[in-house]
């Protein structure tokens, strides 16, 4: 029996295909955890940036309306949230996902909710921040923390002028100085 090589035949053998699949599987098993970590960090960074943008928006709204705007922070068993609303005697709350409760005289401008089943959570050292349109100030100054489990956290520190300084409280997050 003679073997004959035909230069016009192209293709791969079953063995070559199996080896390629095995190498690809090993590479994917190494890359998958770091990809998941990257996605978690990006969601955390995006949430913190969105808050900073929403704070700037609230300052603009206070000036436009010539009335005090408030940002309420709330945590419940359903999750945590921040609500931008017109100033009232009491803070707004988020007792369940997608629902915001405010006193009757408050107008809700915007809200963001972080479900408790999600690893991403929000906490603040104040219940309500108020943005004064006449003095262009934020009171009280505060720290708002966005955390992903116990692995990563970003802190947004808001000063009296409403400017935000961002730092990484837990874990290394590219582009963020440690707190």
Foldseek 3Di string as FASTA:
>chain_A
DDDDDDPVDDDDDPVVVVVVVVVVVVVCVVVVVVVVVVVLLVVLVVVVVVVLVVLVVLLVVCQVVVAKWKWFWEQELQAIKIWIKGDDPDDWYDHHPPDIGDPPVIDTDDMDTDGPVAQKHKDKPDGMWMQHNVVQFIPPWIWMWIDRHQAWIKIWTQHGNRHTQIAIDHHDRPPHHHD
